[in-house]
């Protein structure tokens, strides 16, 4: 998918712009979404591994609860990021270029805040 985007960008550098060309914007959005999903799968497996390997007694219920909360929080962050990245290809539809640019910048801003 990344190679397809790179070839498409190299073949038409003037047209393949984020927020301008639908196909390019759609492919970039899917790449970022897949990256977020693969990160979530990794952290999901990691927290599941931690929950299985750690033996919990009554005094460690708080630790187990925090790990479960981390597990759910990572899922929520991933879904939010995947939905946020979809605004890259939605930014193609407004007719004014200023609105397109604001939408693309807003996506980058929201993702930056989600990473903190």
PDB file of N, CA and C in Angstrom:
ATOM      1  N   UNK A   1       0.829  -1.196   0.000  1.00  0.00           N
ATOM      2  CA  UNK A   1       0.000   0.000   0.000  1.00  0.00           C
ATOM      3  C   UNK A   1       0.872   1.257   0.000  1.00  0.00           C
ATOM      4  N   UNK A   2       1.935   1.207   0.790  1.00  0.00           N
ATOM      5  CA  UNK A   2       2.845   2.358   0.835  1.00  0.00           C
ATOM      6  C   UNK A   2       3.560   2.526  -0.500  1.00  0.00           C
ATOM      7  N   UNK A   3       3.944   1.416  -1.102  1.00  0.00           N
ATOM      8  CA  UNK A   3       4.598   1.487  -2.417  1.00  0.00           C
ATOM      9  C   UNK A   3       3.654   2.042  -3.469  1.00  0.00           C
ATOM     10  N   UNK A   4       2.378   1.658  -3.403  1.00  0.00           N
ATOM     11  CA  UNK A   4       1.400   2.172  -4.362  1.00  0.00           C
ATOM     12  C   UNK A   4       1.253   3.685  -4.217  1.00  0.00           C
ATOM     13  N   UNK A   5       1.220   4.161  -2.988  1.00  0.00           N
ATOM     14  CA  UNK A   5       1.118   5.610  -2.763  1.00  0.00           C
ATOM     15  C   UNK A   5       2.363   6.318  -3.272  1.00  0.00           C
ATOM     16  N   UNK A   6       3.522   5.734  -3.015  1.00  0.00           N
ATOM     17  CA  UNK A   6       4.771   6.355  -3.462  1.00  0.00           C
ATOM     18  C   UNK A   6       4.839   6.414  -4.987  1.00  0.00           C
ATOM     19  N   UNK A   7       4.448   5.331  -5.646  1.00  0.00           N
ATOM     20  CA  UNK A   7       4.468   5.312  -7.111  1.00  0.00           C
ATOM     21  C   UNK A   7       3.458   6.311  -7.669  1.00  0.00           C
ATOM     22  N   UNK A   8       2.296   6.363  -7.060  1.00  0.00           N
ATOM     23  CA  UNK A   8       1.271   7.310  -7.510  1.00  0.00           C
ATOM     24  C   UNK A   8       1.746   8.750  -7.341  1.00  0.00           C
ATOM     25  N   UNK A   9       2.404   9.023  -6.236  1.00  0.00           N
ATOM     26  CA  UNK A   9       2.921  10.378  -5.965  1.00  0.00           C
ATOM     27  C   UNK A   9       4.039  10.735  -6.940  1.00  0.00           C
ATOM     28  N   UNK A  10       4.917   9.761  -7.241  1.00  0.00           N
ATOM     29  CA  UNK A  10       6.012  10.022  -8.173  1.00  0.00           C
ATOM     30  C   UNK A  10       5.517  10.181  -9.605  1.00  0.00           C
ATOM     31  N   UNK A  11       4.442   9.473  -9.933  1.00  0.00           N
ATOM     32  CA  UNK A  11       3.939   9.551 -11.301  1.00  0.00           C
ATOM     33  C   UNK A  11       3.241  10.884 -11.590  1.00  0.00           C
ATOM     34  N   UNK A  12       2.609  11.464 -10.585  1.00  0.00           N
ATOM     35  CA  UNK A  12       1.959  12.767 -10.792  1.00  0.00           C
ATOM     36  C   UNK A  12       2.147  13.645  -9.557  1.00  0.00           C
ATOM     37  N   UNK A  13       3.338  14.230  -9.412  1.00  0.00           N
ATOM     38  CA  UNK A  13       3.615  15.023  -8.204  1.00  0.00           C
ATOM     39  C   UNK A  13       2.787  16.300  -8.080  1.00  0.00           C
ATOM     40  N   UNK A  14       2.303  16.828  -9.197  1.00  0.00           N
ATOM     41  CA  UNK A  14       1.513  18.052  -9.139  1.00  0.00           C
ATOM     42  C   UNK A  14       0.070  17.790  -8.728  1.00  0.00           C
ATOM     43  N   UNK A  15      -0.419  16.596  -9.004  1.00  0.00           N
ATOM     44  CA  UNK A  15      -1.818  16.264  -8.737  1.00  0.00           C
ATOM     45  C   UNK A  15      -2.010  15.500  -7.433  1.00  0.00           C
ATOM     46  N   UNK A  16      -1.083  14.637  -7.087  1.00  0.00           N
ATOM     47  CA  UNK A  16      -1.226  13.769  -5.912  1.00  0.00           C
ATOM     48  C   UNK A  16      -0.855  14.538  -4.649  1.00  0.00           C
ATOM     49  N   UNK A  17      -1.799  15.309  -4.146  1.00  0.00           N
ATOM     50  CA  UNK A  17      -1.588  16.121  -2.954  1.00  0.00           C
ATOM     51  C   UNK A  17      -2.636  15.763  -1.906  1.00  0.00           C
ATOM     52  N   UNK A  18      -2.223  15.787  -0.664  1.00  0.00           N
ATOM     53  CA  UNK A  18      -3.136  15.467   0.430  1.00  0.00           C
ATOM     54  C   UNK A  18      -4.195  16.552   0.554  1.00  0.00           C
ATOM     55  N   UNK A  19      -5.447  16.148   0.525  1.00  0.00           N
ATOM     56  CA  UNK A  19      -6.544  17.097   0.590  1.00  0.00           C
ATOM     57  C   UNK A  19      -6.942  17.659  -0.764  1.00  0.00           C
ATOM     58  N   UNK A  20      -6.261  17.241  -1.823  1.00  0.00           N
ATOM     59  CA  UNK A  20      -6.567  17.714  -3.162  1.00  0.00           C
ATOM     60  C   UNK A  20      -7.004  16.560  -4.058  1.00  0.00           C
ATOM     61  N   UNK A  21      -6.239  15.485  -4.056  1.00  0.00           N
ATOM     62  CA  UNK A  21      -6.535  14.321  -4.873  1.00  0.00           C
ATOM     63  C   UNK A  21      -7.210  13.259  -4.003  1.00  0.00           C
ATOM     64  N   UNK A  22      -8.368  12.771  -4.456  1.00  0.00           N
ATOM     65  CA  UNK A  22      -9.144  11.812  -3.650  1.00  0.00           C
ATOM     66  C   UNK A  22      -8.386  10.517  -3.430  1.00  0.00           C
ATOM     67  N   UNK A  23      -7.861   9.916  -4.507  1.00  0.00           N
ATOM     68  CA  UNK A  23      -7.202   8.618  -4.378  1.00  0.00           C
ATOM     69  C   UNK A  23      -5.994   8.695  -3.451  1.00  0.00           C
ATOM     70  N   UNK A  24      -5.177   9.713  -3.623  1.00  0.00           N
ATOM     71  CA  UNK A  24      -3.997   9.869  -2.773  1.00  0.00           C
ATOM     72  C   UNK A  24      -4.399  10.073  -1.308  1.00  0.00           C
ATOM     73  N   UNK A  25      -5.379  10.926  -1.068  1.00  0.00           N
ATOM     74  CA  UNK A  25      -5.832  11.189   0.303  1.00  0.00           C
ATOM     75  C   UNK A  25      -6.444   9.938   0.928  1.00  0.00           C
ATOM     76  N   UNK A  26      -7.211   9.193   0.141  1.00  0.00           N
ATOM     77  CA  UNK A  26      -7.830   7.970   0.646  1.00  0.00           C
ATOM     78  C   UNK A  26      -6.771   6.936   1.018  1.00  0.00           C
ATOM     79  N   UNK A  27      -5.775   6.762   0.165  1.00  0.00           N
ATOM     80  CA  UNK A  27      -4.719   5.789   0.456  1.00  0.00           C
ATOM     81  C   UNK A  27      -3.900   6.186   1.684  1.00  0.00           C
ATOM     82  N   UNK A  28      -3.603   7.462   1.820  1.00  0.00           N
ATOM     83  CA  UNK A  28      -2.865   7.937   2.999  1.00  0.00           C
ATOM     84  C   UNK A  28      -3.688   7.704   4.262  1.00  0.00           C
ATOM     85  N   UNK A  29      -4.975   7.973   4.210  1.00  0.00           N
ATOM     86  CA  UNK A  29      -5.840   7.749   5.377  1.00  0.00           C
ATOM     87  C   UNK A  29      -5.860   6.273   5.771  1.00  0.00           C
ATOM     88  N   UNK A  30      -5.892   5.392   4.783  1.00  0.00           N
ATOM     89  CA  UNK A  30      -5.926   3.959   5.083  1.00  0.00           C
ATOM     90  C   UNK A  30      -4.585   3.479   5.636  1.00  0.00           C
ATOM     91  N   UNK A  31      -3.497   4.026   5.147  1.00  0.00           N
ATOM     92  CA  UNK A  31      -2.180   3.658   5.678  1.00  0.00           C
ATOM     93  C   UNK A  31      -2.079   4.042   7.147  1.00  0.00           C
ATOM     94  N   UNK A  32      -2.458   5.277   7.474  1.00  0.00           N
ATOM     95  CA  UNK A  32      -2.401   5.708   8.870  1.00  0.00           C
ATOM     96  C   UNK A  32      -3.353   4.907   9.746  1.00  0.00           C
ATOM     97  N   UNK A  33      -4.536   4.592   9.225  1.00  0.00           N
ATOM     98  CA  UNK A  33      -5.496   3.802  10.002  1.00  0.00           C
ATOM     99  C   UNK A  33      -4.975   2.402  10.257  1.00  0.00           C
ATOM    100  N   UNK A  34      -4.389   1.772   9.243  1.00  0.00           N
ATOM    101  CA  UNK A  34      -3.825   0.431   9.427  1.00  0.00           C
ATOM    102  C   UNK A  34      -2.662   0.446  10.413  1.00  0.00           C
ATOM    103  N   UNK A  35      -1.885   1.524  10.388  1.00  0.00           N
ATOM    104  CA  UNK A  35      -0.788   1.653  11.342  1.00  0.00           C
ATOM    105  C   UNK A  35      -1.325   1.732  12.773  1.00  0.00           C
ATOM    106  N   UNK A  36      -2.396   2.501  12.969  1.00  0.00           N
ATOM    107  CA  UNK A  36      -2.999   2.606  14.298  1.00  0.00           C
ATOM    108  C   UNK A  36      -3.577   1.268  14.742  1.00  0.00           C
ATOM    109  N   UNK A  37      -4.183   0.544  13.821  1.00  0.00           N
ATOM    110  CA  UNK A  37      -4.768  -0.756  14.163  1.00  0.00           C
ATOM    111  C   UNK A  37      -3.681  -1.772  14.506  1.00  0.00           C
ATOM    112  N   UNK A  38      -2.579  -1.783  13.760  1.00  0.00           N
ATOM    113  CA  UNK A  38      -1.504  -2.730  14.073  1.00  0.00           C
ATOM    114  C   UNK A  38      -0.869  -2.401  15.424  1.00  0.00           C
ATOM    115  N   UNK A  39      -0.752  -1.123  15.746  1.00  0.00           N
ATOM    116  CA  UNK A  39      -0.260  -0.759  17.075  1.00  0.00           C
ATOM    117  C   UNK A  39      -1.209  -1.235  18.159  1.00  0.00           C
ATOM    118  N   UNK A  40      -2.499  -1.108  17.919  1.00  0.00           N
ATOM    119  CA  UNK A  40      -3.487  -1.562  18.905  1.00  0.00           C
ATOM    120  C   UNK A  40      -3.433  -3.068  19.078  1.00  0.00           C
ATOM    121  N   UNK A  41      -3.244  -3.801  17.988  1.00  0.00           N
ATOM    122  CA  UNK A  41      -3.139  -5.258  18.093  1.00  0.00           C
ATOM    123  C   UNK A  41      -1.927  -5.640  18.921  1.00  0.00           C
ATOM    124  N   UNK A  42      -0.804  -4.954  18.686  1.00  0.00           N
ATOM    125  CA  UNK A  42       0.402  -5.251  19.463  1.00  0.00           C
ATOM    126  C   UNK A  42       0.180  -4.980  20.950  1.00  0.00           C
ATOM    127  N   UNK A  43      -0.346  -3.797  21.275  1.00  0.00           N
ATOM    128  CA  UNK A  43      -0.553  -3.461  22.684  1.00  0.00           C
ATOM    129  C   UNK A  43      -1.646  -4.308  23.322  1.00  0.00           C
ATOM    130  N   UNK A  44      -2.621  -4.718  22.525  1.00  0.00           N
ATOM    131  CA  UNK A  44      -3.653  -5.622  23.021  1.00  0.00           C
ATOM    132  C   UNK A  44      -3.040  -6.964  23.420  1.00  0.00           C
ATOM    133  N   UNK A  45      -2.180  -7.506  22.550  1.00  0.00           N
ATOM    134  CA  UNK A  45      -1.515  -8.759  22.872  1.00  0.00           C
ATOM    135  C   UNK A  45      -0.583  -8.601  24.069  1.00  0.00           C
ATOM    136  N   UNK A  46       0.078  -7.441  24.157  1.00  0.00           N
ATOM    137  CA  UNK A  46       1.006  -7.203  25.262  1.00  0.00           C
ATOM    138  C   UNK A  46       0.276  -7.126  26.597  1.00  0.00           C
ATOM    139  N   UNK A  47      -0.824  -6.381  26.638  1.00  0.00           N
ATOM    140  CA  UNK A  47      -1.557  -6.285  27.902  1.00  0.00           C
ATOM    141  C   UNK A  47      -2.233  -7.609  28.257  1.00  0.00           C
ATOM    142  N   UNK A  48      -2.674  -8.355  27.251  1.00  0.00           N
ATOM    143  CA  UNK A  48      -3.229  -9.691  27.513  1.00  0.00           C
ATOM    144  C   UNK A  48      -2.153 -10.613  28.072  1.00  0.00           C
ATOM    145  N   UNK A  49      -0.960 -10.523  27.512  1.00  0.00           N
ATOM    146  CA  UNK A  49       0.167 -11.320  28.010  1.00  0.00           C
ATOM    147  C   UNK A  49       0.468 -10.952  29.463  1.00  0.00           C
ATOM    148  N   UNK A  50       0.489  -9.670  29.765  1.00  0.00           N
ATOM    149  CA  UNK A  50       0.752  -9.251  31.138  1.00  0.00           C
ATOM    150  C   UNK A  50      -0.324  -9.758  32.101  1.00  0.00           C
ATOM    151  N   UNK A  51      -1.577  -9.692  31.664  1.00  0.00           N
ATOM    152  CA  UNK A  51      -2.664 -10.155  32.526  1.00  0.00           C
ATOM    153  C   UNK A  51      -2.580 -11.658  32.773  1.00  0.00           C
ATOM    154  N   UNK A  52      -2.115 -12.400  31.786  1.00  0.00           N
ATOM    155  CA  UNK A  52      -2.008 -13.859  31.960  1.00  0.00           C
ATOM    156  C   UNK A  52      -0.797 -14.255  32.794  1.00  0.00           C
ATOM    157  N   UNK A  53       0.322 -13.593  32.599  1.00  0.00           N
ATOM    158  CA  UNK A  53       1.564 -13.984  33.266  1.00  0.00           C
ATOM    159  C   UNK A  53       1.638 -13.536  34.718  1.00  0.00           C
ATOM    160  N   UNK A  54       0.990 -12.456  35.033  1.00  0.00           N
ATOM    161  CA  UNK A  54       1.057 -11.965  36.403  1.00  0.00           C
ATOM    162  C   UNK A  54       0.020 -12.696  37.244  1.00  0.00           C
ATOM    163  N   UNK A  55       0.463 -13.166  38.371  1.00  0.00           N
ATOM    164  CA  UNK A  55      -0.483 -13.797  39.288  1.00  0.00           C
ATOM    165  C   UNK A  55      -0.995 -12.729  40.242  1.00  0.00           C
ATOM    166  N   UNK A  56      -2.287 -12.667  40.357  1.00  0.00           N
ATOM    167  CA  UNK A  56      -2.901 -11.630  41.168  1.00  0.00           C
ATOM    168  C   UNK A  56      -3.533 -12.264  42.397  1.00  0.00           C
ATOM    169  N   UNK A  57      -3.224 -11.686  43.534  1.00  0.00           N
ATOM    170  CA  UNK A  57      -3.934 -12.076  44.747  1.00  0.00           C
ATOM    171  C   UNK A  57      -4.810 -10.888  45.155  1.00  0.00           C
ATOM    172  N   UNK A  58      -5.391 -10.969  46.309  1.00  0.00           N
ATOM    173  CA  UNK A  58      -6.332  -9.925  46.718  1.00  0.00           C
ATOM    174  C   UNK A  58      -5.682  -8.553  46.854  1.00  0.00           C
ATOM    175  N   UNK A  59      -4.392  -8.530  47.191  1.00  0.00           N
ATOM    176  CA  UNK A  59      -3.730  -7.234  47.383  1.00  0.00           C
ATOM    177  C   UNK A  59      -3.395  -6.557  46.051  1.00  0.00           C
ATOM    178  N   UNK A  60      -3.437  -7.285  44.941  1.00  0.00           N
ATOM    179  CA  UNK A  60      -3.056  -6.711  43.650  1.00  0.00           C
ATOM    180  C   UNK A  60      -4.255  -6.487  42.734  1.00  0.00           C
ATOM    181  N   UNK A  61      -5.422  -6.394  43.288  1.00  0.00           N
ATOM    182  CA  UNK A  61      -6.604  -6.147  42.476  1.00  0.00           C
ATOM    183  C   UNK A  61      -6.525  -4.794  41.775  1.00  0.00           C
ATOM    184  N   UNK A  62      -5.887  -3.832  42.417  1.00  0.00           N
ATOM    185  CA  UNK A  62      -5.742  -2.498  41.824  1.00  0.00           C
ATOM    186  C   UNK A  62      -4.878  -2.561  40.565  1.00  0.00           C
ATOM    187  N   UNK A  63      -3.807  -3.351  40.594  1.00  0.00           N
ATOM    188  CA  UNK A  63      -2.927  -3.475  39.429  1.00  0.00           C
ATOM    189  C   UNK A  63      -3.675  -4.130  38.276  1.00  0.00           C
ATOM    190  N   UNK A  64      -4.430  -5.168  38.573  1.00  0.00           N
ATOM    191  CA  UNK A  64      -5.200  -5.845  37.538  1.00  0.00           C
ATOM    192  C   UNK A  64      -6.264  -4.908  36.954  1.00  0.00           C
ATOM    193  N   UNK A  65      -6.889  -4.133  37.799  1.00  0.00           N
ATOM    194  CA  UNK A  65      -7.895  -3.176  37.319  1.00  0.00           C
ATOM    195  C   UNK A  65      -7.256  -2.117  36.428  1.00  0.00           C
ATOM    196  N   UNK A  66      -6.053  -1.664  36.771  1.00  0.00           N
ATOM    197  CA  UNK A  66      -5.365  -0.673  35.955  1.00  0.00           C
ATOM    198  C   UNK A  66      -4.950  -1.255  34.602  1.00  0.00           C
ATOM    199  N   UNK A  67      -4.524  -2.508  34.588  1.00  0.00           N
ATOM    200  CA  UNK A  67      -4.175  -3.143  33.321  1.00  0.00           C
ATOM    201  C   UNK A  67      -5.404  -3.312  32.429  1.00  0.00           C
ATOM    202  N   UNK A  68      -6.528  -3.667  33.010  1.00  0.00           N
ATOM    203  CA  UNK A  68      -7.753  -3.782  32.226  1.00  0.00           C
ATOM    204  C   UNK A  68      -8.198  -2.417  31.693  1.00  0.00           C
ATOM    205  N   UNK A  69      -8.016  -1.375  32.510  1.00  0.00           N
ATOM    206  CA  UNK A  69      -8.356  -0.027  32.066  1.00  0.00           C
ATOM    207  C   UNK A  69      -7.420   0.413  30.931  1.00  0.00           C
ATOM    208  N   UNK A  70      -6.142   0.065  31.013  1.00  0.00           N
ATOM    209  CA  UNK A  70      -5.197   0.349  29.942  1.00  0.00           C
ATOM    210  C   UNK A  70      -5.607  -0.383  28.667  1.00  0.00           C
ATOM    211  N   UNK A  71      -6.015  -1.619  28.817  1.00  0.00           N
ATOM    212  CA  UNK A  71      -6.459  -2.444  27.696  1.00  0.00           C
ATOM    213  C   UNK A  71      -7.642  -1.779  26.978  1.00  0.00           C
ATOM    214  N   UNK A  72      -8.611  -1.314  27.720  1.00  0.00           N
ATOM    215  CA  UNK A  72      -9.779  -0.657  27.133  1.00  0.00           C
ATOM    216  C   UNK A  72      -9.431   0.716  26.572  1.00  0.00           C
ATOM    217  N   UNK A  73      -8.560   1.429  27.268  1.00  0.00           N
ATOM    218  CA  UNK A  73      -8.158   2.756  26.803  1.00  0.00           C
ATOM    219  C   UNK A  73      -7.426   2.707  25.475  1.00  0.00           C
ATOM    220  N   UNK A  74      -6.570   1.709  25.295  1.00  0.00           N
ATOM    221  CA  UNK A  74      -5.854   1.575  24.032  1.00  0.00           C
ATOM    222  C   UNK A  74      -6.815   1.292  22.882  1.00  0.00           C
ATOM    223  N   UNK A  75      -7.835   0.495  23.157  1.00  0.00           N
ATOM    224  CA  UNK A  75      -8.838   0.224  22.125  1.00  0.00           C
ATOM    225  C   UNK A  75      -9.582   1.503  21.753  1.00  0.00           C
ATOM    226  N   UNK A  76      -9.954   2.283  22.742  1.00  0.00           N
ATOM    227  CA  UNK A  76     -10.676   3.534  22.486  1.00  0.00           C
ATOM    228  C   UNK A  76      -9.815   4.520  21.697  1.00  0.00           C
ATOM    229  N   UNK A  77      -8.553   4.630  22.061  1.00  0.00           N
ATOM    230  CA  UNK A  77      -7.643   5.527  21.341  1.00  0.00           C
ATOM    231  C   UNK A  77      -7.486   5.087  19.897  1.00  0.00           C
ATOM    232  N   UNK A  78      -7.378   3.787  19.671  1.00  0.00           N
ATOM    233  CA  UNK A  78      -7.213   3.277  18.313  1.00  0.00           C
ATOM    234  C   UNK A  78      -8.428   3.566  17.447  1.00  0.00           C
ATOM    235  N   UNK A  79      -9.606   3.330  17.984  1.00  0.00           N
ATOM    236  CA  UNK A  79     -10.824   3.610  17.220  1.00  0.00           C
ATOM    237  C   UNK A  79     -10.926   5.097  16.910  1.00  0.00           C
ATOM    238  N   UNK A  80     -10.597   5.927  17.877  1.00  0.00           N
ATOM    239  CA  UNK A  80     -10.648   7.376  17.669  1.00  0.00           C
ATOM    240  C   UNK A  80      -9.651   7.813  16.605  1.00  0.00           C
ATOM    241  N   UNK A  81      -8.437   7.266  16.657  1.00  0.00           N
ATOM    242  CA  UNK A  81      -7.435   7.626  15.658  1.00  0.00           C
ATOM    243  C   UNK A  81      -7.836   7.155  14.266  1.00  0.00           C
ATOM    244  N   UNK A  82      -8.324   5.936  14.166  1.00  0.00           N
ATOM    245  CA  UNK A  82      -8.725   5.417  12.855  1.00  0.00           C
ATOM    246  C   UNK A  82      -9.840   6.264  12.253  1.00  0.00           C
ATOM    247  N   UNK A  83     -10.768   6.709  13.076  1.00  0.00           N
ATOM    248  CA  UNK A  83     -11.836   7.573  12.574  1.00  0.00           C
ATOM    249  C   UNK A  83     -11.318   8.964  12.230  1.00  0.00           C
ATOM    250  N   UNK A  84     -10.377   9.470  13.010  1.00  0.00           N
ATOM    251  CA  UNK A  84      -9.808  10.791  12.750  1.00  0.00           C
ATOM    252  C   UNK A  84      -9.062  10.807  11.415  1.00  0.00           C
ATOM    253  N   UNK A  85      -8.329   9.749  11.125  1.00  0.00           N
ATOM    254  CA  UNK A  85      -7.573   9.697   9.871  1.00  0.00           C
ATOM    255  C   UNK A  85      -8.479   9.686   8.640  1.00  0.00           C
ATOM    256  N   UNK A  86      -9.722   9.277   8.793  1.00  0.00           N
ATOM    257  CA  UNK A  86     -10.627   9.238   7.649  1.00  0.00           C
ATOM    258  C   UNK A  86     -10.964  10.636   7.139  1.00  0.00           C
ATOM    259  N   UNK A  87     -10.703  11.653   7.952  1.00  0.00           N
ATOM    260  CA  UNK A  87     -10.956  13.021   7.508  1.00  0.00           C
ATOM    261  C   UNK A  87      -9.970  13.467   6.427  1.00  0.00           C
ATOM    262  N   UNK A  88      -8.888  12.720   6.221  1.00  0.00           N
ATOM    263  CA  UNK A  88      -7.962  13.054   5.130  1.00  0.00           C
ATOM    264  C   UNK A  88      -8.674  12.971   3.786  1.00  0.00           C
ATOM    265  N   UNK A  89      -9.397  11.887   3.553  1.00  0.00           N
ATOM    266  CA  UNK A  89     -10.064  11.776   2.260  1.00  0.00           C
ATOM    267  C   UNK A  89     -11.375  12.553   2.218  1.00  0.00           C
ATOM    268  N   UNK A  90     -11.965  12.812   3.371  1.00  0.00           N
ATOM    269  CA  UNK A  90     -13.163  13.644   3.402  1.00  0.00           C
ATOM    270  C   UNK A  90     -12.803  15.093   3.078  1.00  0.00           C
ATOM    271  N   UNK A  91     -11.545  15.475   3.346  1.00  0.00           N
ATOM    272  CA  UNK A  91     -11.116  16.853   3.088  1.00  0.00           C
ATOM    273  C   UNK A  91     -11.088  17.195   1.604  1.00  0.00           C
ATOM    274  N   UNK A  92     -11.241  16.222   0.731  1.00  0.00           N
ATOM    275  CA  UNK A  92     -11.230  16.474  -0.707  1.00  0.00           C
ATOM    276  C   UNK A  92     -12.538  17.119  -1.171  1.00  0.00           C
ATOM    277  N   UNK A  93     -13.633  16.877  -0.472  1.00  0.00           N
ATOM    278  CA  UNK A  93     -14.946  17.270  -0.957  1.00  0.00           C
ATOM    279  C   UNK A  93     -15.306  18.752  -0.842  1.00  0.00           C
ATOM    280  N   UNK A  94     -14.830  19.512   0.153  1.00  0.00           N
ATOM    281  CA  UNK A  94     -15.186  20.944   0.155  1.00  0.00           C
ATOM    282  C   UNK A  94     -14.634  21.650  -1.085  1.00  0.00           C
ATOM    283  N   UNK A  95     -15.392  22.587  -1.595  1.00  0.00           N
ATOM    284  CA  UNK A  95     -14.980  23.260  -2.836  1.00  0.00           C
ATOM    285  C   UNK A  95     -13.888  24.306  -2.601  1.00  0.00           C
ATOM    286  N   UNK A  96     -13.857  24.905  -1.419  1.00  0.00           N
ATOM    287  CA  UNK A  96     -12.850  25.932  -1.134  1.00  0.00           C
ATOM    288  C   UNK A  96     -11.561  25.280  -0.622  1.00  0.00           C
ATOM    289  N   UNK A  97     -10.446  25.723  -1.162  1.00  0.00           N
ATOM    290  CA  UNK A  97      -9.157  25.154  -0.787  1.00  0.00           C
ATOM    291  C   UNK A  97      -8.816  25.486   0.663  1.00  0.00           C
ATOM    292  N   UNK A  98      -9.225  26.648   1.133  1.00  0.00           N
ATOM    293  CA  UNK A  98      -8.964  27.034   2.521  1.00  0.00           C
ATOM    294  C   UNK A  98      -9.627  26.085   3.508  1.00  0.00           C
ATOM    295  N   UNK A  99     -10.831  25.664   3.189  1.00  0.00           N
ATOM    296  CA  UNK A  99     -11.540  24.715   4.060  1.00  0.00           C
ATOM    297  C   UNK A  99     -10.837  23.365   4.046  1.00  0.00           C
ATOM    298  N   UNK A 100     -10.366  22.955   2.864  1.00  0.00           N
ATOM    299  CA  UNK A 100      -9.619  21.692   2.757  1.00  0.00           C
ATOM    300  C   UNK A 100      -8.374  21.718   3.633  1.00  0.00           C
ATOM    301  N   UNK A 101      -7.625  22.809   3.526  1.00  0.00           N
ATOM    302  CA  UNK A 101      -6.390  22.914   4.308  1.00  0.00           C
ATOM    303  C   UNK A 101      -6.673  22.936   5.807  1.00  0.00           C
ATOM    304  N   UNK A 102      -7.726  23.621   6.205  1.00  0.00           N
ATOM    305  CA  UNK A 102      -8.081  23.649   7.631  1.00  0.00           C
ATOM    306  C   UNK A 102      -8.466  22.269   8.125  1.00  0.00           C
ATOM    307  N   UNK A 103      -9.153  21.497   7.291  1.00  0.00           N
ATOM    308  CA  UNK A 103      -9.544  20.149   7.670  1.00  0.00           C
ATOM    309  C   UNK A 103      -8.323  19.245   7.825  1.00  0.00           C
ATOM    310  N   UNK A 104      -7.384  19.329   6.889  1.00  0.00           N
ATOM    311  CA  UNK A 104      -6.164  18.524   6.980  1.00  0.00           C
ATOM    312  C   UNK A 104      -5.346  18.928   8.198  1.00  0.00           C
ATOM    313  N   UNK A 105      -5.216  20.224   8.437  1.00  0.00           N
ATOM    314  CA  UNK A 105      -4.468  20.692   9.614  1.00  0.00           C
ATOM    315  C   UNK A 105      -5.155  20.273  10.907  1.00  0.00           C
ATOM    316  N   UNK A 106      -6.477  20.275  10.908  1.00  0.00           N
ATOM    317  CA  UNK A 106      -7.218  19.835  12.095  1.00  0.00           C
ATOM    318  C   UNK A 106      -6.966  18.368  12.394  1.00  0.00           C
ATOM    319  N   UNK A 107      -6.875  17.549  11.347  1.00  0.00           N
ATOM    320  CA  UNK A 107      -6.580  16.125  11.555  1.00  0.00           C
ATOM    321  C   UNK A 107      -5.209  15.972  12.199  1.00  0.00           C
ATOM    322  N   UNK A 108      -4.217  16.662  11.667  1.00  0.00           N
ATOM    323  CA  UNK A 108      -2.876  16.579  12.258  1.00  0.00           C
ATOM    324  C   UNK A 108      -2.872  17.073  13.700  1.00  0.00           C
ATOM    325  N   UNK A 109      -3.629  18.126  13.965  1.00  0.00           N
ATOM    326  CA  UNK A 109      -3.713  18.673  15.318  1.00  0.00           C
ATOM    327  C   UNK A 109      -4.368  17.672  16.269  1.00  0.00           C
ATOM    328  N   UNK A 110      -5.477  17.064  15.844  1.00  0.00           N
ATOM    329  CA  UNK A 110      -6.170  16.082  16.692  1.00  0.00           C
ATOM    330  C   UNK A 110      -5.294  14.863  16.960  1.00  0.00           C
ATOM    331  N   UNK A 111      -4.585  14.404  15.954  1.00  0.00           N
ATOM    332  CA  UNK A 111      -3.715  13.243  16.152  1.00  0.00           C
ATOM    333  C   UNK A 111      -2.565  13.597  17.086  1.00  0.00           C
ATOM    334  N   UNK A 112      -2.047  14.799  16.986  1.00  0.00           N
ATOM    335  CA  UNK A 112      -0.969  15.217  17.896  1.00  0.00           C
ATOM    336  C   UNK A 112      -1.462  15.233  19.339  1.00  0.00           C
ATOM    337  N   UNK A 113      -2.673  15.710  19.550  1.00  0.00           N
ATOM    338  CA  UNK A 113      -3.236  15.729  20.899  1.00  0.00           C
ATOM    339  C   UNK A 113      -3.486  14.302  21.397  1.00  0.00           C
ATOM    340  N   UNK A 114      -3.937  13.417  20.510  1.00  0.00           N
ATOM    341  CA  UNK A 114      -4.184  12.026  20.911  1.00  0.00           C
ATOM    342  C   UNK A 114      -2.889  11.322  21.291  1.00  0.00           C
ATOM    343  N   UNK A 115      -1.779  11.723  20.700  1.00  0.00           N
ATOM    344  CA  UNK A 115      -0.503  11.082  21.012  1.00  0.00           C
ATOM    345  C   UNK A 115       0.036  11.493  22.375  1.00  0.00           C
ATOM    346  N   UNK A 116      -0.432  12.613  22.884  1.00  0.00           N
ATOM    347  CA  UNK A 116       0.037  13.076  24.195  1.00  0.00           C
ATOM    348  C   UNK A 116      -0.641  12.308  25.239  1.00  0.00           C
TER     349      UNK A 116
END
